[in-house]
Amino acid sequence: MRNRLLAVMGERGFTLAEMVVTLGLSSLLFSAVMTMYSTVTSISFDHHIRIETFVQAQAIMQSIGGELRVLGNGVPFDQANFQIGEDTLSDPTVTEPIQLSSLSSTSITYRLNETGNVVLLTADFDPSSSLVMTVTDASGFAENDPIYISNSVVSGDDGLYGVVASVNAGANQVTLEAGYVASPDAVFEMGSTMEEVPFVTITTGADGITRDSGFGAVLLGENATISFDYLDANGASLVLPLETEDLINSLRSIRVTVTMSSKNNLKNGTPFTTTVTQAFGLRNLNYLY
């Protein structure tokens, strides 16, 4: 009877010892699985932060680099009577595509027609006799806009820099302020071009990298800094401060370095920091001299 009872109990389930061993093994297995899951999750979390930060830094780099390649677009400094540093002008600095007075290793200010808008003069314009121009479309201009005029498309050699005093959009007329700078005795025939070309400043602000084209600083990337290295045709760094002659004879590219820290910390409690560097050729300067 006793043997039969033991047999029946064996058929009904595990012994207490077997249960303890089974639970122990299950606990070890569960612990190992959770540790592996935690490790994989941590690696995935950190990987996402690293990739996100790197992509943001690269996006800033390419946005700024695209503008550096064509800085000076809209400035007629390739005109024979309006070239960089032209000594016949009342203010030669208006021909500089880069504002040399504020140039540094952490900040750059350059001229750029950022909208790409170009209008034509529909009547001859002699600034010495009248400050009113008639153009194909005045709706894109406003008071205080900095503008440039070039007569290159009508085989001229002149340029003009001025500031808009007022706009009559209905009559497509733009009136300049009196303090314009133009090539000596320049007259701009019908068909000459006019463009708005503001200053654009890229620098590191209190919160990160900012861009300002006259309407207030816009944050391009928080927790980030930017630096600039000005290079000659051989890739050698030019010594600051740069002079007008450096723009004409030496400066051919700018190396940009963006350093950015992640918004969120890695699993170890520290932010991830990435640095990207790229040199951009200055297309508008490469062909001048």
C-alpha atoms as a PDB file:
ATOM      1  CA  MET A   1       0.000   0.000   0.000  1.00  0.00           C
ATOM      2  CA  ARG A   2       2.829   2.409   0.920  1.00  0.00           C
ATOM      3  CA  ASN A   3       4.623   1.798  -2.374  1.00  0.00           C
ATOM      4  CA  ARG A   4       1.428   2.375  -4.256  1.00  0.00           C
ATOM      5  CA  LEU A   5       0.856   5.675  -2.430  1.00  0.00           C
ATOM      6  CA  LEU A   6       4.358   6.906  -3.288  1.00  0.00           C
ATOM      7  CA  ALA A   7       3.798   5.978  -6.904  1.00  0.00           C
ATOM      8  CA  VAL A   8       0.558   7.901  -7.006  1.00  0.00           C
ATOM      9  CA  MET A   9       2.217  10.977  -5.427  1.00  0.00           C
ATOM     10  CA  GLY A  10       5.012  10.810  -7.990  1.00  0.00           C
ATOM     11  CA  GLU A  11       2.493  10.785 -10.766  1.00  0.00           C
ATOM     12  CA  ARG A  12       0.747  13.853  -9.368  1.00  0.00           C
ATOM     13  CA  GLY A  13       3.675  16.352  -9.644  1.00  0.00           C
ATOM     14  CA  PHE A  14       7.191  17.521  -8.708  1.00  0.00           C
ATOM     15  CA  THR A  15       8.694  17.021  -5.334  1.00  0.00           C
ATOM     16  CA  LEU A  16       9.486  20.062  -3.207  1.00  0.00           C
ATOM     17  CA  ALA A  17      13.179  19.786  -4.050  1.00  0.00           C
ATOM     18  CA  GLU A  18      12.433  19.652  -7.745  1.00  0.00           C
ATOM     19  CA  MET A  19      10.206  22.724  -7.454  1.00  0.00           C
ATOM     20  CA  VAL A  20      12.940  24.699  -5.703  1.00  0.00           C
ATOM     21  CA  VAL A  21      15.498  23.765  -8.369  1.00  0.00           C
ATOM     22  CA  THR A  22      13.071  24.608 -11.186  1.00  0.00           C
ATOM     23  CA  LEU A  23      12.210  27.991  -9.688  1.00  0.00           C
ATOM     24  CA  GLY A  24      15.897  28.754  -9.208  1.00  0.00           C
ATOM     25  CA  LEU A  25      16.744  27.958 -12.800  1.00  0.00           C
ATOM     26  CA  SER A  26      13.761  29.961 -14.044  1.00  0.00           C
ATOM     27  CA  SER A  27      14.863  32.927 -11.943  1.00  0.00           C
ATOM     28  CA  LEU A  28      18.383  32.790 -13.361  1.00  0.00           C
ATOM     29  CA  LEU A  29      17.066  32.517 -16.906  1.00  0.00           C
ATOM     30  CA  PHE A  30      14.647  35.412 -16.407  1.00  0.00           C
ATOM     31  CA  SER A  31      17.413  37.542 -14.900  1.00  0.00           C
ATOM     32  CA  ALA A  32      19.686  36.811 -17.851  1.00  0.00           C
ATOM     33  CA  VAL A  33      16.930  37.671 -20.338  1.00  0.00           C
ATOM     34  CA  MET A  34      16.134  40.947 -18.546  1.00  0.00           C
ATOM     35  CA  THR A  35      19.810  41.879 -18.397  1.00  0.00           C
ATOM     36  CA  MET A  36      20.163  41.235 -22.114  1.00  0.00           C
ATOM     37  CA  TYR A  37      16.990  43.202 -22.837  1.00  0.00           C
ATOM     38  CA  SER A  38      18.197  46.108 -20.723  1.00  0.00           C
ATOM     39  CA  THR A  39      21.573  46.100 -22.495  1.00  0.00           C
ATOM     40  CA  VAL A  40      19.995  45.999 -25.957  1.00  0.00           C
ATOM     41  CA  THR A  41      17.557  48.762 -25.008  1.00  0.00           C
ATOM     42  CA  SER A  42      20.388  50.906 -23.650  1.00  0.00           C
ATOM     43  CA  ILE A  43      22.493  50.378 -26.779  1.00  0.00           C
ATOM     44  CA  SER A  44      19.509  51.209 -29.000  1.00  0.00           C
ATOM     45  CA  PHE A  45      18.711  54.334 -26.969  1.00  0.00           C
ATOM     46  CA  ASP A  46      22.294  55.579 -27.108  1.00  0.00           C
ATOM     47  CA  HIS A  47      22.576  54.749 -30.811  1.00  0.00           C
ATOM     48  CA  HIS A  48      19.454  56.801 -31.546  1.00  0.00           C
ATOM     49  CA  ILE A  49      20.851  59.801 -29.654  1.00  0.00           C
ATOM     50  CA  ARG A  50      24.198  59.572 -31.460  1.00  0.00           C
ATOM     51  CA  ILE A  51      22.585  59.314 -34.900  1.00  0.00           C
ATOM     52  CA  GLU A  52      20.098  62.126 -34.209  1.00  0.00           C
ATOM     53  CA  THR A  53      22.824  64.499 -32.986  1.00  0.00           C
ATOM     54  CA  PHE A  54      25.132  63.700 -35.907  1.00  0.00           C
ATOM     55  CA  VAL A  55      22.348  64.200 -38.479  1.00  0.00           C
ATOM     56  CA  GLN A  56      21.403  67.562 -36.933  1.00  0.00           C
ATOM     57  CA  ALA A  57      25.020  68.726 -37.028  1.00  0.00           C
ATOM     58  CA  GLN A  58      25.338  67.650 -40.665  1.00  0.00           C
ATOM     59  CA  ALA A  59      22.107  69.447 -41.571  1.00  0.00           C
ATOM     60  CA  ILE A  60      23.458  72.693 -40.101  1.00  0.00           C
ATOM     61  CA  MET A  61      26.730  72.181 -41.934  1.00  0.00           C
ATOM     62  CA  GLN A  62      25.077  71.686 -45.326  1.00  0.00           C
ATOM     63  CA  SER A  63      22.676  74.608 -44.839  1.00  0.00           C
ATOM     64  CA  ILE A  64      25.502  77.016 -44.040  1.00  0.00           C
ATOM     65  CA  GLY A  65      27.839  75.486 -46.609  1.00  0.00           C
ATOM     66  CA  GLY A  66      25.341  76.009 -49.410  1.00  0.00           C
ATOM     67  CA  GLU A  67      25.303  79.731 -48.673  1.00  0.00           C
ATOM     68  CA  LEU A  68      29.070  80.014 -48.283  1.00  0.00           C
ATOM     69  CA  ARG A  69      29.588  78.519 -51.729  1.00  0.00           C
ATOM     70  CA  VAL A  70      27.652  81.383 -53.323  1.00  0.00           C
ATOM     71  CA  LEU A  71      28.230  84.206 -50.832  1.00  0.00           C
ATOM     72  CA  GLY A  72      28.256  87.567 -52.571  1.00  0.00           C
ATOM     73  CA  ASN A  73      25.513  86.456 -54.950  1.00  0.00           C
ATOM     74  CA  GLY A  74      23.812  89.644 -56.154  1.00  0.00           C
ATOM     75  CA  VAL A  75      26.805  91.933 -55.567  1.00  0.00           C
ATOM     76  CA  PRO A  76      28.190  93.148 -58.939  1.00  0.00           C
ATOM     77  CA  PHE A  77      31.808  92.990 -57.780  1.00  0.00           C
ATOM     78  CA  ASP A  78      32.796  91.441 -61.110  1.00  0.00           C
ATOM     79  CA  GLN A  79      31.975  94.753 -62.835  1.00  0.00           C
ATOM     80  CA  ALA A  80      35.098  96.613 -63.955  1.00  0.00           C
ATOM     81  CA  ASN A  81      34.021  99.816 -62.191  1.00  0.00           C
ATOM     82  CA  PHE A  82      32.651  98.140 -59.044  1.00  0.00           C
ATOM     83  CA  GLN A  83      35.239  95.524 -58.125  1.00  0.00           C
ATOM     84  CA  ILE A  84      36.233  94.558 -54.602  1.00  0.00           C
ATOM     85  CA  GLY A  85      38.019  97.490 -52.954  1.00  0.00           C
ATOM     86  CA  GLU A  86      37.449  99.807 -55.918  1.00  0.00           C
ATOM     87  CA  ASP A  87      39.171 103.056 -54.921  1.00  0.00           C
ATOM     88  CA  THR A  88      36.971 105.273 -57.112  1.00  0.00           C
ATOM     89  CA  LEU A  89      33.941 104.566 -54.905  1.00  0.00           C
ATOM     90  CA  SER A  90      32.925 106.746 -51.958  1.00  0.00           C
ATOM     91  CA  ASP A  91      32.686 103.581 -49.819  1.00  0.00           C
ATOM     92  CA  PRO A  92      34.686 100.624 -51.190  1.00  0.00           C
ATOM     93  CA  THR A  93      33.454  98.296 -48.409  1.00  0.00           C
ATOM     94  CA  VAL A  94      30.075  97.910 -50.135  1.00  0.00           C
ATOM     95  CA  THR A  95      31.809  95.818 -52.799  1.00  0.00           C
ATOM     96  CA  GLU A  96      33.075  93.278 -50.235  1.00  0.00           C
ATOM     97  CA  PRO A  97      31.032  90.068 -50.276  1.00  0.00           C
ATOM     98  CA  ILE A  98      32.263  89.409 -46.720  1.00  0.00           C
ATOM     99  CA  GLN A  99      32.197  92.047 -43.981  1.00  0.00           C
ATOM    100  CA  LEU A 100      35.883  92.059 -43.084  1.00  0.00           C
ATOM    101  CA  SER A 101      35.468  94.395 -40.112  1.00  0.00           C
ATOM    102  CA  SER A 102      33.540  91.761 -38.129  1.00  0.00           C
ATOM    103  CA  LEU A 103      35.136  88.586 -39.485  1.00  0.00           C
ATOM    104  CA  SER A 104      36.460  86.165 -36.864  1.00  0.00           C
ATOM    105  CA  SER A 105      37.085  82.479 -36.252  1.00  0.00           C
ATOM    106  CA  THR A 106      33.635  82.119 -34.644  1.00  0.00           C
ATOM    107  CA  SER A 107      31.500  84.518 -36.690  1.00  0.00           C
ATOM    108  CA  ILE A 108      31.055  85.487 -40.339  1.00  0.00           C
ATOM    109  CA  THR A 109      28.884  88.109 -42.019  1.00  0.00           C
ATOM    110  CA  TYR A 110      28.415  87.970 -45.783  1.00  0.00           C
ATOM    111  CA  ARG A 111      26.200  89.503 -48.461  1.00  0.00           C
ATOM    112  CA  LEU A 112      23.744  87.204 -50.207  1.00  0.00           C
ATOM    113  CA  ASN A 113      20.618  87.478 -52.337  1.00  0.00           C
ATOM    114  CA  GLU A 114      18.944  84.767 -50.288  1.00  0.00           C
ATOM    115  CA  THR A 115      15.586  84.910 -52.115  1.00  0.00           C
ATOM    116  CA  GLY A 116      17.061  84.787 -55.624  1.00  0.00           C
ATOM    117  CA  ASN A 117      14.646  87.557 -56.652  1.00  0.00           C
ATOM    118  CA  VAL A 118      15.948  89.691 -59.549  1.00  0.00           C
ATOM    119  CA  VAL A 119      13.981  92.472 -61.249  1.00  0.00           C
ATOM    120  CA  LEU A 120      14.740  94.558 -64.337  1.00  0.00           C
ATOM    121  CA  LEU A 121      14.692  98.311 -64.762  1.00  0.00           C
ATOM    122  CA  THR A 122      11.970  99.272 -67.235  1.00  0.00           C
ATOM    123  CA  ALA A 123      13.415 102.724 -67.855  1.00  0.00           C
ATOM    124  CA  ASP A 124      16.877 104.265 -67.852  1.00  0.00           C
ATOM    125  CA  PHE A 125      18.049 105.263 -64.360  1.00  0.00           C
ATOM    126  CA  ASP A 126      20.563 108.038 -63.713  1.00  0.00           C
ATOM    127  CA  PRO A 127      21.072 108.258 -59.930  1.00  0.00           C
ATOM    128  CA  SER A 128      22.716 111.661 -60.233  1.00  0.00           C
ATOM    129  CA  SER A 129      19.463 113.172 -61.500  1.00  0.00           C
ATOM    130  CA  SER A 130      16.753 111.105 -59.792  1.00  0.00           C
ATOM    131  CA  LEU A 131      16.543 108.511 -57.011  1.00  0.00           C
ATOM    132  CA  VAL A 132      13.354 106.940 -58.383  1.00  0.00           C
ATOM    133  CA  MET A 133      13.582 103.724 -60.393  1.00  0.00           C
ATOM    134  CA  THR A 134      10.862 101.952 -62.319  1.00  0.00           C
ATOM    135  CA  VAL A 135      11.158  98.165 -62.268  1.00  0.00           C
ATOM    136  CA  THR A 136       9.285  95.137 -63.530  1.00  0.00           C
ATOM    137  CA  ASP A 137       7.954  94.275 -60.069  1.00  0.00           C
ATOM    138  CA  ALA A 138       8.444  96.351 -56.908  1.00  0.00           C
ATOM    139  CA  SER A 139       6.290  94.179 -54.635  1.00  0.00           C
ATOM    140  CA  GLY A 140       9.244  92.233 -53.290  1.00  0.00           C
ATOM    141  CA  PHE A 141      11.014  95.295 -51.893  1.00  0.00           C
ATOM    142  CA  ALA A 142      10.471  97.281 -48.716  1.00  0.00           C
ATOM    143  CA  GLU A 143      11.827 100.325 -46.919  1.00  0.00           C
ATOM    144  CA  ASN A 144      15.408  99.865 -45.620  1.00  0.00           C
ATOM    145  CA  ASP A 145      16.158  96.971 -47.971  1.00  0.00           C
ATOM    146  CA  PRO A 146      19.799  96.992 -49.168  1.00  0.00           C
ATOM    147  CA  ILE A 147      19.890  96.684 -52.960  1.00  0.00           C
ATOM    148  CA  TYR A 148      22.421  96.389 -55.766  1.00  0.00           C
ATOM    149  CA  ILE A 149      22.045  97.406 -59.404  1.00  0.00           C
ATOM    150  CA  SER A 150      24.174  96.072 -62.248  1.00  0.00           C
ATOM    151  CA  ASN A 151      24.201  96.980 -65.944  1.00  0.00           C
ATOM    152  CA  SER A 152      26.209  93.923 -66.978  1.00  0.00           C
ATOM    153  CA  VAL A 153      23.289  92.465 -68.960  1.00  0.00           C
ATOM    154  CA  VAL A 154      23.254  95.576 -71.151  1.00  0.00           C
ATOM    155  CA  SER A 155      27.031  95.441 -71.669  1.00  0.00           C
ATOM    156  CA  GLY A 156      27.890  97.949 -68.965  1.00  0.00           C
ATOM    157  CA  ASP A 157      30.717  97.931 -66.399  1.00  0.00           C
ATOM    158  CA  ASP A 158      29.005  99.667 -63.493  1.00  0.00           C
ATOM    159  CA  GLY A 159      27.343  98.843 -60.197  1.00  0.00           C
ATOM    160  CA  LEU A 160      25.394 100.606 -57.465  1.00  0.00           C
ATOM    161  CA  TYR A 161      24.687  99.953 -53.807  1.00  0.00           C
ATOM    162  CA  GLY A 162      21.822 101.711 -52.060  1.00  0.00           C
ATOM    163  CA  VAL A 163      19.109 101.482 -49.412  1.00  0.00           C
ATOM    164  CA  VAL A 164      15.418 101.635 -50.284  1.00  0.00           C
ATOM    165  CA  ALA A 165      13.724 104.785 -48.967  1.00  0.00           C
ATOM    166  CA  SER A 166      10.204 103.942 -50.155  1.00  0.00           C
ATOM    167  CA  VAL A 167       8.268 101.660 -52.498  1.00  0.00           C
ATOM    168  CA  ASN A 168       5.270 102.388 -54.704  1.00  0.00           C
ATOM    169  CA  ALA A 169       4.174  98.862 -55.557  1.00  0.00           C
ATOM    170  CA  GLY A 170       1.242 100.059 -57.682  1.00  0.00           C
ATOM    171  CA  ALA A 171       3.518 102.048 -59.981  1.00  0.00           C
ATOM    172  CA  ASN A 172       6.406  99.551 -59.619  1.00  0.00           C
ATOM    173  CA  GLN A 173       8.674 102.313 -58.452  1.00  0.00           C
ATOM    174  CA  VAL A 174      11.491 102.126 -55.897  1.00  0.00           C
ATOM    175  CA  THR A 175      13.055 105.245 -54.396  1.00  0.00           C
ATOM    176  CA  LEU A 176      16.585 105.129 -52.981  1.00  0.00           C
ATOM    177  CA  GLU A 177      18.023 106.993 -50.032  1.00  0.00           C
ATOM    178  CA  ALA A 178      20.494 109.719 -50.953  1.00  0.00           C
ATOM    179  CA  GLY A 179      23.568 107.985 -49.570  1.00  0.00           C
ATOM    180  CA  TYR A 180      23.994 105.469 -52.387  1.00  0.00           C
ATOM    181  CA  VAL A 181      27.398 104.294 -53.686  1.00  0.00           C
ATOM    182  CA  ALA A 182      27.835 103.935 -57.449  1.00  0.00           C
ATOM    183  CA  SER A 183      30.495 103.729 -60.111  1.00  0.00           C
ATOM    184  CA  PRO A 184      31.545 107.224 -61.239  1.00  0.00           C
ATOM    185  CA  ASP A 185      29.094 108.698 -63.773  1.00  0.00           C
ATOM    186  CA  ALA A 186      27.142 105.440 -63.892  1.00  0.00           C
ATOM    187  CA  VAL A 187      23.857 105.367 -65.792  1.00  0.00           C
ATOM    188  CA  PHE A 188      21.783 102.186 -65.696  1.00  0.00           C
ATOM    189  CA  GLU A 189      19.911 101.595 -68.898  1.00  0.00           C
ATOM    190  CA  MET A 190      16.584  99.844 -69.223  1.00  0.00           C
ATOM    191  CA  GLY A 191      17.164  96.123 -68.714  1.00  0.00           C
ATOM    192  CA  SER A 192      19.715  96.555 -65.910  1.00  0.00           C
ATOM    193  CA  THR A 193      19.130  94.253 -62.943  1.00  0.00           C
ATOM    194  CA  MET A 194      18.266  95.065 -59.328  1.00  0.00           C
ATOM    195  CA  GLU A 195      18.471  92.671 -56.374  1.00  0.00           C
ATOM    196  CA  GLU A 196      17.949  92.802 -52.627  1.00  0.00           C
ATOM    197  CA  VAL A 197      21.207  91.676 -51.002  1.00  0.00           C
ATOM    198  CA  PRO A 198      21.165  91.771 -47.198  1.00  0.00           C
ATOM    199  CA  PHE A 199      23.921  90.865 -44.775  1.00  0.00           C
ATOM    200  CA  VAL A 200      23.697  87.353 -43.323  1.00  0.00           C
ATOM    201  CA  THR A 201      25.477  86.647 -40.035  1.00  0.00           C
ATOM    202  CA  ILE A 202      26.318  83.154 -38.795  1.00  0.00           C
ATOM    203  CA  THR A 203      27.652  82.931 -35.243  1.00  0.00           C
ATOM    204  CA  THR A 204      27.438  81.080 -31.942  1.00  0.00           C
ATOM    205  CA  GLY A 205      24.838  82.649 -29.671  1.00  0.00           C
ATOM    206  CA  ALA A 206      23.930  81.997 -26.051  1.00  0.00           C
ATOM    207  CA  ASP A 207      21.777  78.982 -26.974  1.00  0.00           C
ATOM    208  CA  GLY A 208      23.623  77.677 -30.014  1.00  0.00           C
ATOM    209  CA  ILE A 209      24.341  78.466 -33.668  1.00  0.00           C
ATOM    210  CA  THR A 210      22.264  81.349 -35.036  1.00  0.00           C
ATOM    211  CA  ARG A 211      21.597  82.924 -38.429  1.00  0.00           C
ATOM    212  CA  ASP A 212      20.472  86.532 -38.841  1.00  0.00           C
ATOM    213  CA  SER A 213      19.660  88.240 -42.163  1.00  0.00           C
ATOM    214  CA  GLY A 214      18.250  91.398 -40.628  1.00  0.00           C
ATOM    215  CA  PHE A 215      15.048  90.067 -39.085  1.00  0.00           C
ATOM    216  CA  GLY A 216      16.496  88.803 -35.816  1.00  0.00           C
ATOM    217  CA  ALA A 217      18.604  85.783 -34.965  1.00  0.00           C
ATOM    218  CA  VAL A 218      17.154  82.374 -35.850  1.00  0.00           C
ATOM    219  CA  LEU A 219      18.442  79.351 -33.939  1.00  0.00           C
ATOM    220  CA  LEU A 220      19.864  76.760 -36.334  1.00  0.00           C
ATOM    221  CA  GLY A 221      20.956  74.321 -33.652  1.00  0.00           C
ATOM    222  CA  GLU A 222      20.905  74.446 -29.881  1.00  0.00           C
ATOM    223  CA  ASN A 223      23.762  73.151 -27.728  1.00  0.00           C
ATOM    224  CA  ALA A 224      26.067  73.770 -30.685  1.00  0.00           C
ATOM    225  CA  THR A 225      29.039  75.935 -31.642  1.00  0.00           C
ATOM    226  CA  ILE A 226      30.583  76.862 -34.981  1.00  0.00           C
ATOM    227  CA  SER A 227      34.054  77.919 -36.062  1.00  0.00           C
ATOM    228  CA  PHE A 228      35.564  79.079 -39.345  1.00  0.00           C
ATOM    229  CA  ASP A 229      39.007  78.654 -40.878  1.00  0.00           C
ATOM    230  CA  TYR A 230      39.780  80.791 -43.927  1.00  0.00           C
ATOM    231  CA  LEU A 231      41.905  79.008 -46.532  1.00  0.00           C
ATOM    232  CA  ASP A 232      43.924  79.918 -49.606  1.00  0.00           C
ATOM    233  CA  ALA A 233      44.047  77.942 -52.865  1.00  0.00           C
ATOM    234  CA  ASN A 234      46.506  75.464 -51.304  1.00  0.00           C
ATOM    235  CA  GLY A 235      44.354  74.840 -48.249  1.00  0.00           C
ATOM    236  CA  ALA A 236      46.602  76.830 -45.911  1.00  0.00           C
ATOM    237  CA  SER A 237      44.969  78.936 -43.196  1.00  0.00           C
ATOM    238  CA  LEU A 238      45.014  82.702 -43.639  1.00  0.00           C
ATOM    239  CA  VAL A 239      45.916  84.834 -40.635  1.00  0.00           C
ATOM    240  CA  LEU A 240      43.155  87.032 -39.223  1.00  0.00           C
ATOM    241  CA  PRO A 241      42.251  89.814 -39.584  1.00  0.00           C
ATOM    242  CA  LEU A 242      41.800  89.503 -43.326  1.00  0.00           C
ATOM    243  CA  GLU A 243      42.385  92.479 -45.591  1.00  0.00           C
ATOM    244  CA  THR A 244      40.739  93.445 -48.880  1.00  0.00           C
ATOM    245  CA  GLU A 245      43.742  92.068 -50.742  1.00  0.00           C
ATOM    246  CA  ASP A 246      43.126  88.682 -49.120  1.00  0.00           C
ATOM    247  CA  LEU A 247      39.650  88.564 -50.641  1.00  0.00           C
ATOM    248  CA  ILE A 248      41.033  89.430 -54.047  1.00  0.00           C
ATOM    249  CA  ASN A 249      44.192  87.341 -54.113  1.00  0.00           C
ATOM    250  CA  SER A 250      44.065  84.615 -51.466  1.00  0.00           C
ATOM    251  CA  LEU A 251      40.754  83.510 -49.952  1.00  0.00           C
ATOM    252  CA  ARG A 252      39.337  80.569 -51.878  1.00  0.00           C
ATOM    253  CA  SER A 253      37.523  78.387 -49.342  1.00  0.00           C
ATOM    254  CA  ILE A 254      36.248  78.306 -45.769  1.00  0.00           C
ATOM    255  CA  ARG A 255      36.537  75.304 -43.478  1.00  0.00           C
ATOM    256  CA  VAL A 256      33.570  75.046 -41.130  1.00  0.00           C
ATOM    257  CA  THR A 257      33.499  73.050 -37.902  1.00  0.00           C
ATOM    258  CA  VAL A 258      30.222  72.359 -36.113  1.00  0.00           C
ATOM    259  CA  THR A 259      30.270  70.856 -32.625  1.00  0.00           C
ATOM    260  CA  MET A 260      26.946  69.759 -31.140  1.00  0.00           C
ATOM    261  CA  SER A 261      25.870  68.097 -27.891  1.00  0.00           C
ATOM    262  CA  SER A 262      22.763  65.931 -27.702  1.00  0.00           C
ATOM    263  CA  LYS A 263      19.552  67.279 -26.153  1.00  0.00           C
ATOM    264  CA  ASN A 264      19.173  64.126 -24.049  1.00  0.00           C
ATOM    265  CA  ASN A 265      21.838  62.318 -22.052  1.00  0.00           C
ATOM    266  CA  LEU A 266      23.087  58.858 -22.869  1.00  0.00           C
ATOM    267  CA  LYS A 267      22.226  56.024 -20.493  1.00  0.00           C
ATOM    268  CA  ASN A 268      25.404  56.762 -18.540  1.00  0.00           C
ATOM    269  CA  GLY A 269      24.057  60.234 -17.720  1.00  0.00           C
ATOM    270  CA  THR A 270      26.349  62.259 -19.993  1.00  0.00           C
ATOM    271  CA  PRO A 271      25.469  64.048 -23.270  1.00  0.00           C
ATOM    272  CA  PHE A 272      26.854  62.818 -26.580  1.00  0.00           C
ATOM    273  CA  THR A 273      29.017  65.319 -28.460  1.00  0.00           C
ATOM    274  CA  THR A 274      29.787  65.139 -32.178  1.00  0.00           C
ATOM    275  CA  THR A 275      32.031  67.284 -34.376  1.00  0.00           C
ATOM    276  CA  VAL A 276      31.738  67.589 -38.157  1.00  0.00           C
ATOM    277  CA  THR A 277      34.132  69.513 -40.404  1.00  0.00           C
ATOM    278  CA  GLN A 278      33.982  70.418 -44.092  1.00  0.00           C
ATOM    279  CA  ALA A 279      35.656  72.945 -46.411  1.00  0.00           C
ATOM    280  CA  PHE A 280      33.526  74.874 -48.914  1.00  0.00           C
ATOM    281  CA  GLY A 281      34.920  76.508 -52.034  1.00  0.00           C
ATOM    282  CA  LEU A 282      33.843  80.113 -52.658  1.00  0.00           C
ATOM    283  CA  ARG A 283      32.616  79.960 -56.223  1.00  0.00           C
ATOM    284  CA  ASN A 284      32.058  83.704 -56.598  1.00  0.00           C
ATOM    285  CA  LEU A 285      35.641  84.467 -55.635  1.00  0.00           C
ATOM    286  CA  ASN A 286      37.436  81.680 -57.468  1.00  0.00           C
ATOM    287  CA  TYR A 287      37.048  83.264 -60.906  1.00  0.00           C
ATOM    288  CA  LEU A 288      37.749  86.907 -60.065  1.00  0.00           C
ATOM    289  CA  TYR A 289      41.497  87.208 -60.423  1.00  0.00           C
END
